[in-house]
Amino acid sequence: MSQLALHQQLSWQEVLAATPMDSAELCNLLALELDCLPAAHPLLKQFPLRVPAPYLKRIEKGNPADPLLLQIFPGTEEALSTPGFSLDPVGESEANPKPGILHKYKGRALLLVTSSCAIHCRYCFRRHFPYEDNNPGKEHWRESLAYLKQDSSITEVILSGGDPLTLPDKYLAWFMAELADISHIRRIRIHTRLPIMIPQRITPDLCKLLANPRFQTILVIHSNHAQEFDDEVDAACLALKKAGITLLNQSVLLKHINDSSEALVALSERLFEAGVLPYYLHLLDRVSGAAHFDVPAETGIELIRELRAQLPGYLVPKLVREIPGQKAKTPVG
């Protein structure tokens, strides 16, 4: 049985465990020429190829320009050095007061609860992040959580990583319980690609855990293209909505992937069909190795103008970029 069919019979943990692969395996699964990827690309040692079977089955076989494939394709462009692109494009090293905590914006703090992801997006702004210095372990997490307790201006905590939903339920439950003891925290926001990448992760037990009456819970998925949705993803989103969880989406504007009004209109429409509201459309965070994805701000502004002419306002995402040192995301246009 092929890997693309096997995921139907596996638990989400087993699907997650099977995500690393080599370039030859990817080419074989997608009926691409065997030389489509370099067999031993040096950058794959630093940022390995990682993609789950549910996502693979949505990629058109034999199409090297498929918009989903391009997001995970480790091309030779990643080795190029490009002026203006850096290892820390959004200034996170300056906003890391305790291991596992990023605190850039008033009223909100981010917990890096894991370094693990279900997929390695080649444009990831944290691909060079020092996770080894931000994994304190449960006992040392108490010191980091004390940082949140001492700052009563923090009313929202964002669970991020990596992808927080790669954690087992028991670890997520521990974080939720610890945060529930901090009286001034009112909202929990979770940034995750798991409903898209491995939709069977959205189990009844997880929905019950996330629908904690102590908090307002917001789940921000990350989808860049309408092709990323299928019946399994729809079912995962519906389960989350039925649990009372607010669903938002953030996208990254990516060259040759979604840099057209047709692609972005289709994405907004498809998101809403699944019960998800468009939230942000990010200009690319200029991380080293991702320059080939960059779309000029002027193009983004024109695309948003075209979306406003075709969609109701609630389906038009906010075009933003993140500028190190700023107090919030910066609107563009």
C-alpha atoms as a PDB file:
ATOM      1  CA  MET A   1       0.000   0.000   0.000  1.00  0.00           C
ATOM      2  CA  SER A   2       1.357   3.454  -0.926  1.00  0.00           C
ATOM      3  CA  GLN A   3       2.185   6.064   1.694  1.00  0.00           C
ATOM      4  CA  LEU A   4      -0.521   8.286   0.205  1.00  0.00           C
ATOM      5  CA  ALA A   5      -3.186   5.660   0.905  1.00  0.00           C
ATOM      6  CA  LEU A   6      -1.726   4.323   4.140  1.00  0.00           C
ATOM      7  CA  HIS A   7      -2.419   7.502   6.126  1.00  0.00           C
ATOM      8  CA  GLN A   8      -6.126   6.658   6.095  1.00  0.00           C
ATOM      9  CA  GLN A   9      -5.422   3.749   8.453  1.00  0.00           C
ATOM     10  CA  LEU A  10      -2.858   5.404  10.719  1.00  0.00           C
ATOM     11  CA  SER A  11      -3.228   7.490  13.843  1.00  0.00           C
ATOM     12  CA  TRP A  12      -2.204  11.121  13.605  1.00  0.00           C
ATOM     13  CA  GLN A  13       0.919  10.317  15.626  1.00  0.00           C
ATOM     14  CA  GLU A  14       1.941   7.648  13.098  1.00  0.00           C
ATOM     15  CA  VAL A  15       1.322  10.016  10.179  1.00  0.00           C
ATOM     16  CA  LEU A  16       3.433  12.667  11.907  1.00  0.00           C
ATOM     17  CA  ALA A  17       6.252  10.206  12.571  1.00  0.00           C
ATOM     18  CA  ALA A  18       6.373   9.317   8.862  1.00  0.00           C
ATOM     19  CA  THR A  19       6.794  12.905   7.622  1.00  0.00           C
ATOM     20  CA  PRO A  20      10.595  13.020   7.078  1.00  0.00           C
ATOM     21  CA  MET A  21      11.599  11.744   3.644  1.00  0.00           C
ATOM     22  CA  ASP A  22      14.340  12.115   1.076  1.00  0.00           C
ATOM     23  CA  SER A  23      14.097  13.797  -2.302  1.00  0.00           C
ATOM     24  CA  ALA A  24      14.063  10.544  -4.277  1.00  0.00           C
ATOM     25  CA  GLU A  25      11.082   9.293  -2.261  1.00  0.00           C
ATOM     26  CA  LEU A  26       9.216  12.552  -2.897  1.00  0.00           C
ATOM     27  CA  CYS A  27       9.867  12.351  -6.639  1.00  0.00           C
ATOM     28  CA  ASN A  28       8.690   8.738  -6.719  1.00  0.00           C
ATOM     29  CA  LEU A  29       5.481   9.470  -4.790  1.00  0.00           C
ATOM     30  CA  LEU A  30       4.588  12.397  -7.038  1.00  0.00           C
ATOM     31  CA  ALA A  31       5.661  10.847 -10.362  1.00  0.00           C
ATOM     32  CA  LEU A  32       8.297  13.512 -10.916  1.00  0.00           C
ATOM     33  CA  GLU A  33      11.599  13.081 -12.731  1.00  0.00           C
ATOM     34  CA  LEU A  34      14.119  11.487 -10.387  1.00  0.00           C
ATOM     35  CA  ASP A  35      16.469  14.436 -10.836  1.00  0.00           C
ATOM     36  CA  CYS A  36      13.756  16.915  -9.844  1.00  0.00           C
ATOM     37  CA  LEU A  37      15.518  17.445  -6.521  1.00  0.00           C
ATOM     38  CA  PRO A  38      19.227  17.262  -5.724  1.00  0.00           C
ATOM     39  CA  ALA A  39      19.892  13.884  -4.116  1.00  0.00           C
ATOM     40  CA  ALA A  40      22.041  15.321  -1.328  1.00  0.00           C
ATOM     41  CA  HIS A  41      21.221  19.008  -1.137  1.00  0.00           C
ATOM     42  CA  PRO A  42      23.429  20.406   1.664  1.00  0.00           C
ATOM     43  CA  LEU A  43      20.627  22.555   3.038  1.00  0.00           C
ATOM     44  CA  LEU A  44      18.508  19.467   3.686  1.00  0.00           C
ATOM     45  CA  LYS A  45      20.874  18.647   6.553  1.00  0.00           C
ATOM     46  CA  GLN A  46      20.018  21.963   8.204  1.00  0.00           C
ATOM     47  CA  PHE A  47      16.318  22.039   7.275  1.00  0.00           C
ATOM     48  CA  PRO A  48      15.203  18.548   6.194  1.00  0.00           C
ATOM     49  CA  LEU A  49      12.430  17.734   3.759  1.00  0.00           C
ATOM     50  CA  ARG A  50       9.331  17.072   5.855  1.00  0.00           C
ATOM     51  CA  VAL A  51       5.809  16.631   4.482  1.00  0.00           C
ATOM     52  CA  PRO A  52       2.838  14.515   5.667  1.00  0.00           C
ATOM     53  CA  ALA A  53       0.906  12.071   3.495  1.00  0.00           C
ATOM     54  CA  PRO A  54      -2.490  13.877   3.712  1.00  0.00           C
ATOM     55  CA  TYR A  55      -0.860  16.962   2.174  1.00  0.00           C
ATOM     56  CA  LEU A  56       1.022  14.945  -0.434  1.00  0.00           C
ATOM     57  CA  LYS A  57      -2.177  13.468  -1.813  1.00  0.00           C
ATOM     58  CA  ARG A  58      -3.420  16.984  -2.689  1.00  0.00           C
ATOM     59  CA  ILE A  59      -0.365  17.673  -4.883  1.00  0.00           C
ATOM     60  CA  GLU A  60      -0.907  17.047  -8.578  1.00  0.00           C
ATOM     61  CA  LYS A  61       1.283  14.166  -9.689  1.00  0.00           C
ATOM     62  CA  GLY A  62       3.776  14.907 -12.428  1.00  0.00           C
ATOM     63  CA  ASN A  63       3.452  18.691 -12.051  1.00  0.00           C
ATOM     64  CA  PRO A  64       6.694  20.353 -10.865  1.00  0.00           C
ATOM     65  CA  ALA A  65       4.876  23.726 -10.744  1.00  0.00           C
ATOM     66  CA  ASP A  66       2.120  22.571  -8.400  1.00  0.00           C
ATOM     67  CA  PRO A  67       1.524  25.368  -5.834  1.00  0.00           C
ATOM     68  CA  LEU A  68       1.583  22.946  -2.913  1.00  0.00           C
ATOM     69  CA  LEU A  69       4.759  21.252  -4.098  1.00  0.00           C
ATOM     70  CA  LEU A  70       6.548  24.579  -4.452  1.00  0.00           C
ATOM     71  CA  GLN A  71       5.976  25.303  -0.750  1.00  0.00           C
ATOM     72  CA  ILE A  72       7.921  22.223   0.322  1.00  0.00           C
ATOM     73  CA  PHE A  73      10.327  21.892  -2.640  1.00  0.00           C
ATOM     74  CA  PRO A  74      13.944  22.346  -1.439  1.00  0.00           C
ATOM     75  CA  GLY A  75      15.316  24.079  -4.521  1.00  0.00           C
ATOM     76  CA  THR A  76      18.880  25.174  -5.108  1.00  0.00           C
ATOM     77  CA  GLU A  77      17.740  28.819  -4.751  1.00  0.00           C
ATOM     78  CA  GLU A  78      17.862  28.313  -0.985  1.00  0.00           C
ATOM     79  CA  ALA A  79      21.653  28.321  -1.106  1.00  0.00           C
ATOM     80  CA  LEU A  80      21.818  31.805  -2.621  1.00  0.00           C
ATOM     81  CA  SER A  81      22.863  34.748  -0.473  1.00  0.00           C
ATOM     82  CA  THR A  82      20.517  37.693  -1.045  1.00  0.00           C
ATOM     83  CA  PRO A  83      21.032  41.221   0.354  1.00  0.00           C
ATOM     84  CA  GLY A  84      18.314  42.165   2.813  1.00  0.00           C
ATOM     85  CA  PHE A  85      17.586  38.565   3.836  1.00  0.00           C
ATOM     86  CA  SER A  86      18.791  37.383   7.248  1.00  0.00           C
ATOM     87  CA  LEU A  87      18.708  34.548   9.766  1.00  0.00           C
ATOM     88  CA  ASP A  88      16.405  36.547  12.086  1.00  0.00           C
ATOM     89  CA  PRO A  89      14.155  38.580   9.778  1.00  0.00           C
ATOM     90  CA  VAL A  90      11.596  39.672  12.398  1.00  0.00           C
ATOM     91  CA  GLY A  91      13.951  40.429  15.286  1.00  0.00           C
ATOM     92  CA  GLU A  92      12.904  37.596  17.583  1.00  0.00           C
ATOM     93  CA  SER A  93      16.313  37.412  19.263  1.00  0.00           C
ATOM     94  CA  GLU A  94      15.605  40.835  20.772  1.00  0.00           C
ATOM     95  CA  ALA A  95      12.198  39.755  22.119  1.00  0.00           C
ATOM     96  CA  ASN A  96      13.165  36.544  23.923  1.00  0.00           C
ATOM     97  CA  PRO A  97      13.212  37.481  27.642  1.00  0.00           C
ATOM     98  CA  LYS A  98      13.015  33.896  28.913  1.00  0.00           C
ATOM     99  CA  PRO A  99      13.572  30.527  27.238  1.00  0.00           C
ATOM    100  CA  GLY A 100      10.439  29.612  25.308  1.00  0.00           C
ATOM    101  CA  ILE A 101       8.869  33.107  25.443  1.00  0.00           C
ATOM    102  CA  LEU A 102       8.661  35.804  22.790  1.00  0.00           C
ATOM    103  CA  HIS A 103       7.223  39.108  23.986  1.00  0.00           C
ATOM    104  CA  LYS A 104       7.085  41.729  21.236  1.00  0.00           C
ATOM    105  CA  TYR A 105       3.617  43.266  21.484  1.00  0.00           C
ATOM    106  CA  LYS A 106       1.737  44.823  24.397  1.00  0.00           C
ATOM    107  CA  GLY A 107      -0.915  42.560  25.886  1.00  0.00           C
ATOM    108  CA  ARG A 108       0.284  39.422  24.100  1.00  0.00           C
ATOM    109  CA  ALA A 109       3.078  36.929  24.602  1.00  0.00           C
ATOM    110  CA  LEU A 110       4.038  33.863  22.608  1.00  0.00           C
ATOM    111  CA  LEU A 111       5.107  30.497  24.000  1.00  0.00           C
ATOM    112  CA  LEU A 112       7.329  28.321  21.816  1.00  0.00           C
ATOM    113  CA  VAL A 113       6.051  25.044  23.200  1.00  0.00           C
ATOM    114  CA  THR A 114       7.807  22.795  20.668  1.00  0.00           C
ATOM    115  CA  SER A 115      10.298  22.909  17.806  1.00  0.00           C
ATOM    116  CA  SER A 116       8.462  20.170  15.903  1.00  0.00           C
ATOM    117  CA  CYS A 117       6.349  20.785  12.786  1.00  0.00           C
ATOM    118  CA  ALA A 118       4.351  18.450  10.562  1.00  0.00           C
ATOM    119  CA  ILE A 119       5.794  20.145   7.478  1.00  0.00           C
ATOM    120  CA  HIS A 120       8.853  22.189   6.647  1.00  0.00           C
ATOM    121  CA  CYS A 121       7.709  25.145   4.585  1.00  0.00           C
ATOM    122  CA  ARG A 122      10.737  26.351   2.655  1.00  0.00           C
ATOM    123  CA  TYR A 123       9.871  30.020   3.376  1.00  0.00           C
ATOM    124  CA  CYS A 124       9.621  29.480   7.164  1.00  0.00           C
ATOM    125  CA  PHE A 125      10.860  32.576   9.007  1.00  0.00           C
ATOM    126  CA  ARG A 126      11.968  30.385  11.950  1.00  0.00           C
ATOM    127  CA  ARG A 127      14.003  27.934   9.885  1.00  0.00           C
ATOM    128  CA  HIS A 128      17.181  29.297  11.559  1.00  0.00           C
ATOM    129  CA  PHE A 129      15.663  29.892  15.022  1.00  0.00           C
ATOM    130  CA  PRO A 130      17.764  28.663  18.011  1.00  0.00           C
ATOM    131  CA  TYR A 131      15.208  26.173  19.324  1.00  0.00           C
ATOM    132  CA  GLU A 132      17.895  24.441  21.374  1.00  0.00           C
ATOM    133  CA  ASP A 133      18.037  27.561  23.572  1.00  0.00           C
ATOM    134  CA  ASN A 134      14.233  27.790  23.888  1.00  0.00           C
ATOM    135  CA  ASN A 135      13.260  24.335  25.069  1.00  0.00           C
ATOM    136  CA  PRO A 136      13.389  24.686  28.844  1.00  0.00           C
ATOM    137  CA  GLY A 137      11.612  21.450  29.831  1.00  0.00           C
ATOM    138  CA  LYS A 138       8.685  21.193  32.222  1.00  0.00           C
ATOM    139  CA  GLU A 139      10.517  22.098  35.414  1.00  0.00           C
ATOM    140  CA  HIS A 140      12.216  25.143  33.918  1.00  0.00           C
ATOM    141  CA  TRP A 141       8.982  26.157  32.170  1.00  0.00           C
ATOM    142  CA  ARG A 142       7.723  27.264  35.567  1.00  0.00           C
ATOM    143  CA  GLU A 143      10.243  30.121  35.581  1.00  0.00           C
ATOM    144  CA  SER A 144       9.109  31.172  32.112  1.00  0.00           C
ATOM    145  CA  LEU A 145       5.447  30.948  33.107  1.00  0.00           C
ATOM    146  CA  ALA A 146       6.231  33.074  36.154  1.00  0.00           C
ATOM    147  CA  TYR A 147       7.235  35.803  33.694  1.00  0.00           C
ATOM    148  CA  LEU A 148       3.661  35.799  32.381  1.00  0.00           C
ATOM    149  CA  LYS A 149       2.209  35.815  35.883  1.00  0.00           C
ATOM    150  CA  GLN A 150       4.230  38.882  36.864  1.00  0.00           C
ATOM    151  CA  ASP A 151       3.006  40.974  33.919  1.00  0.00           C
ATOM    152  CA  SER A 152      -0.700  41.686  34.353  1.00  0.00           C
ATOM    153  CA  SER A 153      -0.841  43.532  31.029  1.00  0.00           C
ATOM    154  CA  ILE A 154      -0.608  40.172  29.212  1.00  0.00           C
ATOM    155  CA  THR A 155      -4.190  39.084  28.508  1.00  0.00           C
ATOM    156  CA  GLU A 156      -3.544  36.781  25.540  1.00  0.00           C
ATOM    157  CA  VAL A 157      -1.061  33.938  25.197  1.00  0.00           C
ATOM    158  CA  ILE A 158      -0.182  32.489  21.809  1.00  0.00           C
ATOM    159  CA  LEU A 159       0.950  28.874  21.605  1.00  0.00           C
ATOM    160  CA  SER A 160       3.378  28.470  18.749  1.00  0.00           C
ATOM    161  CA  GLY A 161       6.559  26.667  17.862  1.00  0.00           C
ATOM    162  CA  GLY A 162       7.110  24.680  15.729  1.00  0.00           C
ATOM    163  CA  ASP A 163       3.510  23.615  15.726  1.00  0.00           C
ATOM    164  CA  PRO A 164       1.870  23.255  19.158  1.00  0.00           C
ATOM    165  CA  LEU A 165      -0.587  20.604  17.934  1.00  0.00           C
ATOM    166  CA  THR A 166       2.300  18.209  17.305  1.00  0.00           C
ATOM    167  CA  LEU A 167       2.391  17.882  21.098  1.00  0.00           C
ATOM    168  CA  PRO A 168       0.452  15.023  22.715  1.00  0.00           C
ATOM    169  CA  ASP A 169      -2.765  16.044  24.454  1.00  0.00           C
ATOM    170  CA  LYS A 170      -1.270  15.543  27.910  1.00  0.00           C
ATOM    171  CA  TYR A 171       1.381  18.200  27.294  1.00  0.00           C
ATOM    172  CA  LEU A 172      -1.127  20.636  25.818  1.00  0.00           C
ATOM    173  CA  ALA A 173      -3.358  20.012  28.835  1.00  0.00           C
ATOM    174  CA  TRP A 174      -0.443  20.839  31.141  1.00  0.00           C
ATOM    175  CA  PHE A 175       0.155  24.180  29.425  1.00  0.00           C
ATOM    176  CA  MET A 176      -3.557  25.000  29.463  1.00  0.00           C
ATOM    177  CA  ALA A 177      -3.778  24.187  33.171  1.00  0.00           C
ATOM    178  CA  GLU A 178      -0.743  26.308  34.008  1.00  0.00           C
ATOM    179  CA  LEU A 179      -2.114  29.239  32.009  1.00  0.00           C
ATOM    180  CA  ALA A 180      -5.544  28.842  33.617  1.00  0.00           C
ATOM    181  CA  ASP A 181      -3.929  29.657  36.962  1.00  0.00           C
ATOM    182  CA  ILE A 182      -2.848  33.088  35.690  1.00  0.00           C
ATOM    183  CA  SER A 183      -5.924  35.216  36.323  1.00  0.00           C
ATOM    184  CA  HIS A 184      -5.242  38.032  33.863  1.00  0.00           C
ATOM    185  CA  ILE A 185      -4.961  35.714  30.814  1.00  0.00           C
ATOM    186  CA  ARG A 186      -8.318  35.745  29.032  1.00  0.00           C
ATOM    187  CA  ARG A 187      -7.532  34.379  25.575  1.00  0.00           C
ATOM    188  CA  ILE A 188      -5.485  31.503  24.201  1.00  0.00           C
ATOM    189  CA  ARG A 189      -4.471  31.686  20.573  1.00  0.00           C
ATOM    190  CA  ILE A 190      -2.975  28.663  18.820  1.00  0.00           C
ATOM    191  CA  HIS A 191      -1.017  28.960  15.582  1.00  0.00           C
ATOM    192  CA  THR A 192      -1.036  25.653  13.733  1.00  0.00           C
ATOM    193  CA  ARG A 193      -0.956  23.976  10.321  1.00  0.00           C
ATOM    194  CA  LEU A 194      -2.130  20.593  11.644  1.00  0.00           C
ATOM    195  CA  PRO A 195      -5.803  20.951  10.585  1.00  0.00           C
ATOM    196  CA  ILE A 196      -4.448  21.363   7.036  1.00  0.00           C
ATOM    197  CA  MET A 197      -1.483  18.993   7.180  1.00  0.00           C
ATOM    198  CA  ILE A 198      -2.828  16.131   9.309  1.00  0.00           C
ATOM    199  CA  PRO A 199      -6.566  16.766   9.789  1.00  0.00           C
ATOM    200  CA  GLN A 200      -7.041  13.559  11.801  1.00  0.00           C
ATOM    201  CA  ARG A 201      -5.148  15.362  14.593  1.00  0.00           C
ATOM    202  CA  ILE A 202      -8.436  17.169  15.336  1.00  0.00           C
ATOM    203  CA  THR A 203      -9.928  14.497  17.583  1.00  0.00           C
ATOM    204  CA  PRO A 204     -12.925  14.810  19.937  1.00  0.00           C
ATOM    205  CA  ASP A 205     -10.518  14.747  22.883  1.00  0.00           C
ATOM    206  CA  LEU A 206      -8.474  17.596  21.448  1.00  0.00           C
ATOM    207  CA  CYS A 207     -11.579  19.678  20.745  1.00  0.00           C
ATOM    208  CA  LYS A 208     -12.730  19.167  24.322  1.00  0.00           C
ATOM    209  CA  LEU A 209      -9.304  20.158  25.618  1.00  0.00           C
ATOM    210  CA  LEU A 210      -9.140  23.334  23.525  1.00  0.00           C
ATOM    211  CA  ALA A 211     -12.702  24.369  24.333  1.00  0.00           C
ATOM    212  CA  ASN A 212     -11.652  25.245  27.881  1.00  0.00           C
ATOM    213  CA  PRO A 213     -14.408  27.458  29.387  1.00  0.00           C
ATOM    214  CA  ARG A 214     -11.741  29.396  31.269  1.00  0.00           C
ATOM    215  CA  PHE A 215     -10.557  31.023  28.002  1.00  0.00           C
ATOM    216  CA  GLN A 216     -11.710  32.370  24.697  1.00  0.00           C
ATOM    217  CA  THR A 217      -9.818  30.094  22.310  1.00  0.00           C
ATOM    218  CA  ILE A 218      -8.741  31.200  18.834  1.00  0.00           C
ATOM    219  CA  LEU A 219      -7.114  28.810  16.406  1.00  0.00           C
ATOM    220  CA  VAL A 220      -5.182  30.415  13.548  1.00  0.00           C
ATOM    221  CA  ILE A 221      -4.508  27.983  10.739  1.00  0.00           C
ATOM    222  CA  HIS A 222      -2.028  28.687   7.960  1.00  0.00           C
ATOM    223  CA  SER A 223      -3.259  27.993   4.448  1.00  0.00           C
ATOM    224  CA  ASN A 224      -1.823  29.587   1.332  1.00  0.00           C
ATOM    225  CA  HIS A 225      -3.881  27.981  -1.430  1.00  0.00           C
ATOM    226  CA  ALA A 226      -7.422  26.653  -1.931  1.00  0.00           C
ATOM    227  CA  GLN A 227      -5.988  23.325  -3.141  1.00  0.00           C
ATOM    228  CA  GLU A 228      -4.889  22.623   0.440  1.00  0.00           C
ATOM    229  CA  PHE A 229      -8.515  21.907   1.406  1.00  0.00           C
ATOM    230  CA  ASP A 230     -10.388  18.639   1.005  1.00  0.00           C
ATOM    231  CA  ASP A 231     -13.208  16.823   2.826  1.00  0.00           C
ATOM    232  CA  GLU A 232     -10.896  15.776   5.671  1.00  0.00           C
ATOM    233  CA  VAL A 233      -9.778  19.360   6.298  1.00  0.00           C
ATOM    234  CA  ASP A 234     -13.394  20.544   6.163  1.00  0.00           C
ATOM    235  CA  ALA A 235     -14.366  17.941   8.765  1.00  0.00           C
ATOM    236  CA  ALA A 236     -11.513  19.027  11.059  1.00  0.00           C
ATOM    237  CA  CYS A 237     -12.532  22.683  10.826  1.00  0.00           C
ATOM    238  CA  LEU A 238     -16.192  21.827  11.436  1.00  0.00           C
ATOM    239  CA  ALA A 239     -15.279  19.869  14.576  1.00  0.00           C
ATOM    240  CA  LEU A 240     -13.330  22.839  15.911  1.00  0.00           C
ATOM    241  CA  LYS A 241     -16.175  25.246  15.162  1.00  0.00           C
ATOM    242  CA  LYS A 242     -18.705  22.967  16.858  1.00  0.00           C
ATOM    243  CA  ALA A 243     -16.483  23.087  19.930  1.00  0.00           C
ATOM    244  CA  GLY A 244     -16.882  26.875  19.978  1.00  0.00           C
ATOM    245  CA  ILE A 245     -13.353  27.701  18.793  1.00  0.00           C
ATOM    246  CA  THR A 246     -12.855  30.789  16.641  1.00  0.00           C
ATOM    247  CA  LEU A 247     -11.084  29.918  13.371  1.00  0.00           C
ATOM    248  CA  LEU A 248      -8.919  32.417  11.505  1.00  0.00           C
ATOM    249  CA  ASN A 249      -6.411  31.994   8.694  1.00  0.00           C
ATOM    250  CA  GLN A 250      -3.120  33.661   7.936  1.00  0.00           C
ATOM    251  CA  SER A 251      -1.369  33.313   4.588  1.00  0.00           C
ATOM    252  CA  VAL A 252       1.978  34.338   3.184  1.00  0.00           C
ATOM    253  CA  LEU A 253       2.070  35.991  -0.240  1.00  0.00           C
ATOM    254  CA  LEU A 254       4.343  33.690  -2.253  1.00  0.00           C
ATOM    255  CA  LYS A 255       5.673  34.047  -5.782  1.00  0.00           C
ATOM    256  CA  HIS A 256       4.266  31.491  -8.248  1.00  0.00           C
ATOM    257  CA  ILE A 257       2.017  30.045  -5.517  1.00  0.00           C
ATOM    258  CA  ASN A 258      -0.701  32.565  -4.642  1.00  0.00           C
ATOM    259  CA  ASP A 259       0.436  35.869  -6.180  1.00  0.00           C
ATOM    260  CA  SER A 260      -2.686  36.337  -8.316  1.00  0.00           C
ATOM    261  CA  SER A 261      -6.149  37.644  -7.538  1.00  0.00           C
ATOM    262  CA  GLU A 262      -7.615  34.375  -8.861  1.00  0.00           C
ATOM    263  CA  ALA A 263      -5.646  32.299  -6.329  1.00  0.00           C
ATOM    264  CA  LEU A 264      -6.401  34.614  -3.423  1.00  0.00           C
ATOM    265  CA  VAL A 265     -10.124  34.914  -4.216  1.00  0.00           C
ATOM    266  CA  ALA A 266     -10.361  31.126  -4.447  1.00  0.00           C
ATOM    267  CA  LEU A 267      -8.544  30.784  -1.116  1.00  0.00           C
ATOM    268  CA  SER A 268     -10.835  33.237   0.696  1.00  0.00           C
ATOM    269  CA  GLU A 269     -13.944  31.556  -0.705  1.00  0.00           C
ATOM    270  CA  ARG A 270     -12.642  28.097   0.199  1.00  0.00           C
ATOM    271  CA  LEU A 271     -11.698  29.189   3.706  1.00  0.00           C
ATOM    272  CA  PHE A 272     -15.183  30.509   4.341  1.00  0.00           C
ATOM    273  CA  GLU A 273     -16.743  27.275   3.036  1.00  0.00           C
ATOM    274  CA  ALA A 274     -14.725  25.511   5.743  1.00  0.00           C
ATOM    275  CA  GLY A 275     -15.837  27.979   8.418  1.00  0.00           C
ATOM    276  CA  VAL A 276     -12.564  29.944   8.579  1.00  0.00           C
ATOM    277  CA  LEU A 277     -12.232  33.726   8.254  1.00  0.00           C
ATOM    278  CA  PRO A 278      -9.277  35.250   6.363  1.00  0.00           C
ATOM    279  CA  TYR A 279      -7.160  37.220   8.839  1.00  0.00           C
ATOM    280  CA  TYR A 280      -3.717  38.225   7.561  1.00  0.00           C
ATOM    281  CA  LEU A 281      -1.941  38.090   4.218  1.00  0.00           C
ATOM    282  CA  HIS A 282       1.715  38.512   5.145  1.00  0.00           C
ATOM    283  CA  LEU A 283       4.380  39.908   2.924  1.00  0.00           C
ATOM    284  CA  LEU A 284       7.266  37.462   3.095  1.00  0.00           C
ATOM    285  CA  ASP A 285       9.441  37.616   6.198  1.00  0.00           C
ATOM    286  CA  ARG A 286      12.834  38.018   4.550  1.00  0.00           C
ATOM    287  CA  VAL A 287      14.576  34.954   5.918  1.00  0.00           C
ATOM    288  CA  SER A 288      17.785  33.670   4.367  1.00  0.00           C
ATOM    289  CA  GLY A 289      17.039  31.007   1.784  1.00  0.00           C
ATOM    290  CA  ALA A 290      13.572  32.270   0.832  1.00  0.00           C
ATOM    291  CA  ALA A 291      14.247  35.175  -1.543  1.00  0.00           C
ATOM    292  CA  HIS A 292      12.779  33.268  -4.490  1.00  0.00           C
ATOM    293  CA  PHE A 293       9.342  33.458  -2.805  1.00  0.00           C
ATOM    294  CA  ASP A 294       9.383  37.247  -2.385  1.00  0.00           C
ATOM    295  CA  VAL A 295       6.571  39.335  -3.903  1.00  0.00           C
ATOM    296  CA  PRO A 296       6.929  43.148  -4.003  1.00  0.00           C
ATOM    297  CA  ALA A 297       4.723  45.157  -1.665  1.00  0.00           C
ATOM    298  CA  GLU A 298       3.303  47.053  -4.636  1.00  0.00           C
ATOM    299  CA  THR A 299       2.030  43.777  -6.077  1.00  0.00           C
ATOM    300  CA  GLY A 300       0.426  42.886  -2.760  1.00  0.00           C
ATOM    301  CA  ILE A 301      -1.326  46.258  -2.580  1.00  0.00           C
ATOM    302  CA  GLU A 302      -2.726  45.828  -6.079  1.00  0.00           C
ATOM    303  CA  LEU A 303      -3.891  42.287  -5.274  1.00  0.00           C
ATOM    304  CA  ILE A 304      -5.769  43.479  -2.193  1.00  0.00           C
ATOM    305  CA  ARG A 305      -7.386  46.204  -4.329  1.00  0.00           C
ATOM    306  CA  GLU A 306      -8.549  43.507  -6.753  1.00  0.00           C
ATOM    307  CA  LEU A 307      -9.861  41.360  -3.887  1.00  0.00           C
ATOM    308  CA  ARG A 308     -11.917  44.268  -2.541  1.00  0.00           C
ATOM    309  CA  ALA A 309     -13.545  44.589  -5.955  1.00  0.00           C
ATOM    310  CA  GLN A 310     -14.504  40.906  -6.019  1.00  0.00           C
ATOM    311  CA  LEU A 311     -15.207  39.867  -2.420  1.00  0.00           C
ATOM    312  CA  PRO A 312     -17.247  41.076   0.555  1.00  0.00           C
ATOM    313  CA  GLY A 313     -15.088  42.905   3.052  1.00  0.00           C
ATOM    314  CA  TYR A 314     -15.086  40.082   5.597  1.00  0.00           C
ATOM    315  CA  LEU A 315     -13.315  37.821   3.076  1.00  0.00           C
ATOM    316  CA  VAL A 316     -10.478  40.261   2.349  1.00  0.00           C
ATOM    317  CA  PRO A 317      -7.420  39.605   4.544  1.00  0.00           C
ATOM    318  CA  LYS A 318      -5.323  42.444   5.944  1.00  0.00           C
ATOM    319  CA  LEU A 319      -2.072  42.891   4.040  1.00  0.00           C
ATOM    320  CA  VAL A 320       0.714  43.263   6.621  1.00  0.00           C
ATOM    321  CA  ARG A 321       4.406  42.938   7.133  1.00  0.00           C
ATOM    322  CA  GLU A 322       6.385  42.452  10.316  1.00  0.00           C
ATOM    323  CA  ILE A 323       9.070  45.036  10.992  1.00  0.00           C
ATOM    324  CA  PRO A 324      11.532  44.346  13.820  1.00  0.00           C
ATOM    325  CA  GLY A 325      11.018  46.667  16.777  1.00  0.00           C
ATOM    326  CA  GLN A 326       7.525  47.795  15.805  1.00  0.00           C
ATOM    327  CA  LYS A 327       4.722  47.494  18.362  1.00  0.00           C
ATOM    328  CA  ALA A 328       2.375  45.592  16.051  1.00  0.00           C
ATOM    329  CA  LYS A 329       2.102  44.152  12.556  1.00  0.00           C
ATOM    330  CA  THR A 330       2.446  46.984  10.051  1.00  0.00           C
ATOM    331  CA  PRO A 331      -0.460  47.401   7.579  1.00  0.00           C
ATOM    332  CA  VAL A 332       0.635  47.750   3.965  1.00  0.00           C
ATOM    333  CA  GLY A 333      -1.249  49.942   1.509  1.00  0.00           C
END
